Amino acid sequence: MAEERRGSWFGFGFCGFGQALGSGRGRQVHSPEPLRTPGAGADVRRVSASWSYTAVVTRGGQVQLSGAADGAAGGCRDAWASEALLVVLRAGRGLGPGPELQAWAPGSALRGEPLWTHTLVPEAEGADGAGGEAQAGALPLLPGARAYVSPRPPFYRPLAPELRARRLELGAEHALLLDEAGQVFSWGQGRHGQLGHGTLEAEPEPRLLEALQGLPMAEVAAGGWHSVCVSETGDIYIWGWNESGQLALPTRSLSEDGKTVAREGEGTGELYTWGWGKYGQLGHKGTTSLDRPRRVEYFVDKQLQVRAVSCGLWNTYVCAVERGES
């Protein structure tokens, strides 16, 4: 997920439902294009992409939907899009108890009443400090890092007190949690090896990834049925399903080996993509799938450094700044 980043946003991949993705011409965008932001000069804070629609949150607190779901609302701090639910974190009202978590049907256009609401009380949610909530990752992890929101009931799911989460990501059937010490936990279904415990068995509760013990992690991400984490020293670890080369390992489903070699580059602030590319979501001006990382040349040619990436199922959103900017 991408959040709290300043810069220009770009999109590429599938836009057949009318998602605000680059120019939006046709059903696909095969190379990065500037994102059509919701309103002139909108300063985008976060982009969350589901399969059929996208939610954009601005620094002014506006959430804007595009695609199969549309609509807009103000007073929003965060939003998280899935096909089952649109989850919005609304700012607290005046001197009230705290922000309100709302779960909406994506097709509701954010009108009427939400399906479910939960008021976050700072003390109860594990906040500390003189007047605020503990800092934690973006949705689906909640402020205070004591619970997360699920697209399936029960929507509000507490975390064990000993799990001091700083980031949580949800795949199609599994969850990954990164704690304050850099340890990674996983749970859910494991039939594609996405949990990383050496078996295909499901885990009902968060379980520590023993294979990564002693290697502090800085980031985690969950694909549909695969998992990724990045260590504090910059090493990437990937496991799970490799049907389309998403693990950056050779796969029999790809035959054009000559198109799967990464180019040499500076490395800092460059974007590399691989995996399924049928809708142009890899950003290489085509629809070839890759089982090796390849640099997206658009950002190099435009002298841009990539700061954040948000991957949808069939599209990609990127925040970038001009080289030399802090």
Protein backbone atom coordinates (compact mmCIF):
# COMPACT_ATOMS: atom_id res chain seq x y z
CA MET A 1 0.00 0.00 0.00
CA ALA A 2 1.03 3.54 -0.65
CA GLU A 3 0.29 6.39 1.72
CA GLU A 4 1.61 9.62 3.23
CA ARG A 5 3.70 10.43 0.17
CA ARG A 6 4.01 13.76 -1.61
CA GLY A 7 4.69 13.85 -5.31
CA SER A 8 3.00 13.16 -8.61
CA TRP A 9 0.92 10.01 -9.08
CA PHE A 10 0.89 7.78 -12.16
CA GLY A 11 -1.19 4.78 -13.17
CA PHE A 12 -1.08 1.90 -15.64
CA GLY A 13 -2.89 -1.36 -16.28
CA PHE A 14 -6.60 -2.24 -16.42
CA CYS A 15 -9.20 0.55 -16.44
CA GLY A 16 -12.12 -1.24 -18.07
CA PHE A 17 -14.54 -0.10 -15.35
CA GLY A 18 -13.59 3.55 -15.76
CA GLN A 19 -10.96 3.74 -13.02
CA ALA A 20 -9.07 7.06 -12.89
CA LEU A 21 -5.95 5.47 -14.36
CA GLY A 22 -3.75 7.73 -16.46
CA SER A 23 -5.66 8.97 -19.49
CA GLY A 24 -8.33 6.32 -19.00
CA ARG A 25 -8.60 5.82 -22.75
CA GLY A 26 -9.92 2.37 -23.64
CA ARG A 27 -9.65 -0.55 -21.25
CA GLN A 28 -5.90 -0.64 -20.70
CA VAL A 29 -2.95 1.70 -20.13
CA HIS A 30 0.33 -0.05 -20.96
CA SER A 31 2.80 2.60 -19.80
CA PRO A 32 2.69 5.00 -16.82
CA GLU A 33 0.56 8.10 -17.32
CA PRO A 34 -0.22 10.96 -14.89
CA LEU A 35 -3.15 10.10 -12.69
CA ARG A 36 -6.41 11.95 -13.26
CA THR A 37 -6.81 13.28 -9.72
CA PRO A 38 -10.21 14.09 -8.21
CA GLY A 39 -10.33 17.85 -8.72
CA ALA A 40 -7.85 20.39 -9.98
CA GLY A 41 -4.65 20.49 -7.97
CA ALA A 42 -5.73 17.77 -5.55
CA ASP A 43 -2.83 16.63 -3.38
CA VAL A 44 -3.19 12.85 -3.30
CA ARG A 45 -2.28 11.26 0.01
CA ARG A 46 -3.13 7.64 -0.67
CA VAL A 47 -4.38 5.35 -3.44
CA SER A 48 -6.09 2.03 -2.65
CA ALA A 49 -7.03 -0.12 -5.65
CA SER A 50 -9.46 -3.02 -5.75
CA TRP A 51 -10.27 -5.02 -8.90
CA SER A 52 -13.16 -2.96 -10.21
CA TYR A 53 -12.67 0.43 -8.55
CA THR A 54 -10.10 2.70 -6.93
CA ALA A 55 -10.24 4.96 -3.87
CA VAL A 56 -8.11 8.11 -3.80
CA VAL A 57 -7.64 10.06 -0.56
CA THR A 58 -6.40 13.66 -0.67
CA ARG A 59 -4.60 15.57 2.04
CA GLY A 60 -7.66 17.75 2.32
CA GLY A 61 -9.64 14.76 3.59
CA GLN A 62 -11.58 14.00 0.41
CA VAL A 63 -12.08 10.39 -0.71
CA GLN A 64 -12.98 9.93 -4.38
CA LEU A 65 -14.05 6.65 -5.98
CA SER A 66 -13.71 5.80 -9.67
CA GLY A 67 -14.62 2.72 -11.66
CA ALA A 68 -17.49 0.33 -10.97
CA ALA A 69 -18.02 2.26 -7.74
CA ASP A 70 -18.15 6.04 -7.73
CA GLY A 71 -18.88 8.74 -5.22
CA ALA A 72 -17.06 11.11 -2.89
CA ALA A 73 -17.02 12.16 0.75
CA GLY A 74 -15.14 14.62 2.94
CA GLY A 75 -13.68 14.40 6.42
CA CYS A 76 -11.70 11.23 5.61
CA ARG A 77 -8.32 10.29 7.00
CA ASP A 78 -7.87 6.98 5.19
CA ALA A 79 -9.67 4.54 2.89
CA TRP A 80 -9.15 0.91 1.95
CA ALA A 81 -10.81 -0.63 -1.10
CA SER A 82 -11.88 -4.25 -1.59
CA GLU A 83 -14.58 -5.85 -3.70
CA ALA A 84 -16.65 -6.74 -0.65
CA LEU A 85 -16.24 -3.50 1.32
CA LEU A 86 -15.02 0.04 1.14
CA VAL A 87 -13.58 0.93 4.53
CA VAL A 88 -13.25 4.61 5.42
CA LEU A 89 -11.68 6.19 8.49
CA ARG A 90 -13.55 9.43 9.19
CA ALA A 91 -12.15 12.16 11.38
CA GLY A 92 -13.66 12.59 14.83
CA ARG A 93 -16.25 15.31 15.29
CA GLY A 94 -15.15 18.16 17.51
CA LEU A 95 -14.30 16.97 20.99
CA GLY A 96 -15.89 13.56 20.45
CA PRO A 97 -14.40 10.24 21.50
CA GLY A 98 -12.32 9.66 18.39
CA PRO A 99 -12.35 8.83 14.68
CA GLU A 100 -15.05 6.59 13.24
CA LEU A 101 -14.43 3.51 11.15
CA GLN A 102 -17.11 2.98 8.49
CA ALA A 103 -17.69 -0.02 6.22
CA TRP A 104 -19.65 0.73 3.04
CA ALA A 105 -20.97 -1.33 0.18
CA PRO A 106 -18.78 -0.18 -2.74
CA GLY A 107 -21.84 0.47 -4.89
CA SER A 108 -23.43 2.80 -2.33
CA ALA A 109 -21.55 5.85 -3.67
CA LEU A 110 -20.93 6.72 0.01
CA ARG A 111 -24.55 7.82 0.34
CA GLY A 112 -27.09 6.77 2.95
CA GLU A 113 -25.90 4.78 5.93
CA PRO A 114 -22.79 2.58 6.15
CA LEU A 115 -23.15 -1.16 6.67
CA TRP A 116 -21.20 -0.98 9.92
CA THR A 117 -19.50 1.63 12.09
CA HIS A 118 -17.07 1.52 14.98
CA THR A 119 -15.89 4.51 17.00
CA LEU A 120 -12.21 4.32 17.89
CA VAL A 121 -11.63 5.42 21.48
CA PRO A 122 -7.91 6.23 21.84
CA GLU A 123 -7.45 4.68 25.27
CA ALA A 124 -9.28 1.48 24.32
CA GLU A 125 -7.46 1.15 21.02
CA GLY A 126 -4.06 1.17 22.67
CA ALA A 127 -3.07 4.75 22.00
CA ASP A 128 -0.39 6.30 24.06
CA GLY A 129 1.03 9.74 24.47
CA ALA A 130 -0.56 12.97 25.51
CA GLY A 131 -3.43 13.36 23.16
CA GLY A 132 -3.19 11.07 20.28
CA GLU A 133 -3.23 7.70 18.79
CA ALA A 134 -0.20 5.50 18.45
CA GLN A 135 1.38 5.74 15.04
CA ALA A 136 0.82 2.66 12.93
CA GLY A 137 0.53 1.61 9.32
CA ALA A 138 -2.42 2.44 7.13
CA LEU A 139 -5.68 0.53 6.83
CA PRO A 140 -6.53 -2.31 7.19
CA LEU A 141 -4.47 -1.88 10.40
CA LEU A 142 -6.34 0.47 12.72
CA PRO A 143 -4.89 3.43 14.63
CA GLY A 144 -3.37 2.16 17.84
CA ALA A 145 -2.39 -1.11 16.12
CA ARG A 146 -4.61 -3.20 18.40
CA ALA A 147 -7.02 -4.40 15.70
CA TYR A 148 -7.58 -4.59 11.97
CA VAL A 149 -10.55 -4.53 9.65
CA SER A 150 -11.53 -7.49 7.46
CA PRO A 151 -13.63 -7.51 4.27
CA ARG A 152 -15.55 -10.46 5.74
CA PRO A 153 -17.42 -10.64 9.06
CA PRO A 154 -16.45 -10.04 11.72
CA PHE A 155 -15.26 -6.74 10.23
CA TYR A 156 -13.46 -5.62 13.40
CA ARG A 157 -10.78 -8.12 14.48
CA PRO A 158 -8.70 -7.53 17.61
CA LEU A 159 -5.03 -8.47 17.70
CA ALA A 160 -3.34 -10.12 20.65
CA PRO A 161 -1.76 -7.54 23.00
CA GLU A 162 1.71 -9.01 22.49
CA LEU A 163 1.56 -8.33 18.74
CA ARG A 164 2.90 -4.79 18.52
CA ALA A 165 2.00 -4.32 14.87
CA ARG A 166 3.36 -1.55 12.71
CA ARG A 167 1.94 -2.86 9.40
CA LEU A 168 -0.66 -5.40 8.34
CA GLU A 169 -1.50 -6.58 4.82
CA LEU A 170 -4.29 -8.84 3.58
CA GLY A 171 -4.10 -11.22 0.62
CA ALA A 172 -7.01 -13.12 -0.88
CA GLU A 173 -6.97 -15.71 1.91
CA HIS A 174 -4.14 -14.78 4.26
CA ALA A 175 -2.69 -11.98 6.39
CA LEU A 176 0.83 -10.70 7.09
CA LEU A 177 1.82 -8.66 10.12
CA LEU A 178 5.08 -6.78 10.67
CA ASP A 179 5.76 -5.98 14.32
CA GLU A 180 7.79 -3.22 15.92
CA ALA A 181 10.84 -5.49 16.22
CA GLY A 182 10.83 -6.31 12.50
CA GLN A 183 9.40 -9.79 12.93
CA VAL A 184 6.82 -11.16 10.48
CA PHE A 185 3.73 -13.19 11.38
CA SER A 186 1.29 -14.86 8.99
CA TRP A 187 -2.05 -16.65 9.25
CA GLY A 188 -5.02 -17.76 7.16
CA GLN A 189 -5.12 -20.25 4.29
CA GLY A 190 -1.80 -21.72 3.14
CA ARG A 191 -2.68 -23.92 0.15
CA HIS A 192 -0.27 -22.03 -2.14
CA GLY A 193 2.55 -21.76 0.41
CA GLN A 194 1.74 -18.09 1.01
CA LEU A 195 2.15 -18.37 4.80
CA GLY A 196 5.83 -19.31 4.59
CA HIS A 197 5.81 -22.00 7.29
CA GLY A 198 7.06 -24.82 5.06
CA THR A 199 3.65 -26.47 4.69
CA LEU A 200 0.36 -25.93 2.85
CA GLU A 201 -1.67 -26.03 6.06
CA ALA A 202 -3.88 -23.22 7.28
CA GLU A 203 -3.03 -21.24 10.42
CA PRO A 204 -5.97 -19.87 12.44
CA GLU A 205 -3.83 -17.47 14.49
CA PRO A 206 -0.75 -15.30 13.77
CA ARG A 207 2.36 -17.47 13.65
CA LEU A 208 5.93 -16.21 13.60
CA LEU A 209 7.90 -16.90 10.42
CA GLU A 210 10.79 -18.88 11.84
CA ALA A 211 12.71 -18.81 8.54
CA LEU A 212 13.18 -15.04 8.96
CA GLN A 213 14.24 -15.11 12.62
CA GLY A 214 17.17 -12.79 13.21
CA LEU A 215 16.51 -10.83 9.99
CA PRO A 216 14.66 -7.61 10.88
CA MET A 217 12.16 -6.65 8.19
CA ALA A 218 11.21 -3.13 7.13
CA GLU A 219 8.19 -3.78 4.87
CA VAL A 220 5.65 -6.50 4.09
CA ALA A 221 3.12 -6.93 1.28
CA ALA A 222 0.53 -9.57 0.45
CA GLY A 223 -0.46 -10.52 -3.08
CA GLY A 224 -3.47 -12.69 -3.78
CA TRP A 225 -1.66 -15.93 -2.94
CA HIS A 226 1.94 -14.88 -2.41
CA SER A 227 3.86 -12.80 0.13
CA VAL A 228 6.77 -10.37 0.06
CA CYS A 229 8.91 -8.69 2.66
CA VAL A 230 11.93 -6.39 2.50
CA SER A 231 14.65 -6.52 5.13
CA GLU A 232 16.16 -3.48 6.80
CA THR A 233 19.23 -4.03 4.61
CA GLY A 234 17.17 -4.03 1.41
CA ASP A 235 16.96 -7.76 0.65
CA ILE A 236 13.68 -9.04 -0.80
CA TYR A 237 12.09 -12.33 0.33
CA ILE A 238 9.16 -13.79 -1.66
CA TRP A 239 7.16 -16.99 -1.25
CA GLY A 240 3.86 -18.53 -2.29
CA TRP A 241 2.22 -19.02 -5.70
CA ASN A 242 4.40 -18.54 -8.81
CA GLU A 243 1.86 -19.26 -11.56
CA SER A 244 2.71 -16.08 -13.50
CA GLY A 245 6.27 -15.53 -12.34
CA GLN A 246 5.27 -13.29 -9.43
CA LEU A 247 8.02 -14.77 -7.24
CA ALA A 248 10.66 -13.71 -9.80
CA LEU A 249 11.45 -17.39 -10.33
CA PRO A 250 11.28 -19.31 -13.63
CA THR A 251 7.81 -20.67 -14.41
CA ARG A 252 6.67 -23.00 -17.17
CA SER A 253 3.76 -20.71 -18.07
CA LEU A 254 6.19 -18.15 -19.54
CA SER A 255 8.14 -19.05 -22.64
CA GLU A 256 9.73 -15.79 -23.82
CA ASP A 257 12.90 -16.01 -21.74
CA GLY A 258 14.59 -13.31 -23.77
CA LYS A 259 12.19 -10.71 -22.41
CA THR A 260 12.68 -11.45 -18.73
CA VAL A 261 16.12 -9.99 -18.00
CA ALA A 262 16.50 -6.91 -15.83
CA ARG A 263 18.64 -4.06 -17.08
CA GLU A 264 21.48 -2.57 -15.12
CA GLY A 265 20.64 0.71 -13.39
CA GLU A 266 21.39 2.96 -10.48
CA GLY A 267 18.89 1.19 -8.25
CA THR A 268 17.94 4.17 -6.06
CA GLY A 269 14.35 5.22 -6.60
CA GLU A 270 13.87 3.02 -9.68
CA LEU A 271 10.83 0.81 -10.23
CA TYR A 272 11.08 -2.87 -11.19
CA THR A 273 8.04 -5.01 -11.98
CA TRP A 274 7.39 -8.66 -12.82
CA GLY A 275 4.60 -11.25 -12.81
CA TRP A 276 1.32 -11.26 -14.76
CA GLY A 277 1.18 -8.49 -17.35
CA LYS A 278 -1.92 -9.18 -19.47
CA TYR A 279 -3.42 -5.71 -18.95
CA GLY A 280 -0.22 -3.65 -19.04
CA GLN A 281 0.05 -3.51 -15.25
CA LEU A 282 3.82 -4.01 -15.40
CA GLY A 283 4.30 -0.71 -17.25
CA HIS A 284 6.56 -1.93 -20.06
CA LYS A 285 4.44 -0.70 -23.01
CA GLY A 286 3.02 -4.16 -23.60
CA THR A 287 1.18 -7.10 -22.09
CA THR A 288 4.01 -9.60 -21.65
CA SER A 289 4.25 -11.45 -18.33
CA LEU A 290 7.69 -11.65 -16.72
CA ASP A 291 9.34 -14.05 -14.28
CA ARG A 292 12.35 -11.76 -13.74
CA PRO A 293 12.39 -8.13 -12.54
CA ARG A 294 12.54 -5.52 -15.27
CA ARG A 295 13.05 -1.82 -14.79
CA VAL A 296 10.19 0.46 -15.81
CA GLU A 297 12.01 2.82 -18.15
CA TYR A 298 9.35 5.54 -18.10
CA PHE A 299 10.49 6.90 -14.75
CA VAL A 300 14.16 6.81 -15.74
CA ASP A 301 13.44 8.64 -19.01
CA LYS A 302 11.42 11.29 -17.17
CA GLN A 303 14.11 11.75 -14.48
CA LEU A 304 11.71 10.67 -11.75
CA GLN A 305 12.39 8.82 -8.51
CA VAL A 306 9.70 6.44 -7.31
CA ARG A 307 8.61 6.98 -3.70
CA ALA A 308 5.59 4.70 -3.28
CA VAL A 309 3.76 1.94 -5.13
CA SER A 310 0.19 0.64 -4.72
CA CYS A 311 -0.68 -2.53 -6.61
CA GLY A 312 -4.22 -3.42 -7.52
CA LEU A 313 -5.15 -6.82 -8.88
CA TRP A 314 -4.82 -5.70 -12.51
CA ASN A 315 -3.35 -2.20 -12.26
CA THR A 316 -0.58 -0.25 -10.59
CA TYR A 317 -0.32 3.23 -9.04
CA VAL A 318 3.01 4.96 -8.44
CA CYS A 319 4.04 8.15 -6.63
CA ALA A 320 7.21 9.77 -7.96
CA VAL A 321 9.19 12.99 -7.54
CA GLU A 322 11.74 14.73 -9.72
CA ARG A 323 15.27 13.51 -9.13
CA GLY A 324 17.07 15.62 -6.60
CA GLU A 325 13.97 16.34 -4.50
CA SER A 326 14.12 15.23 -0.87
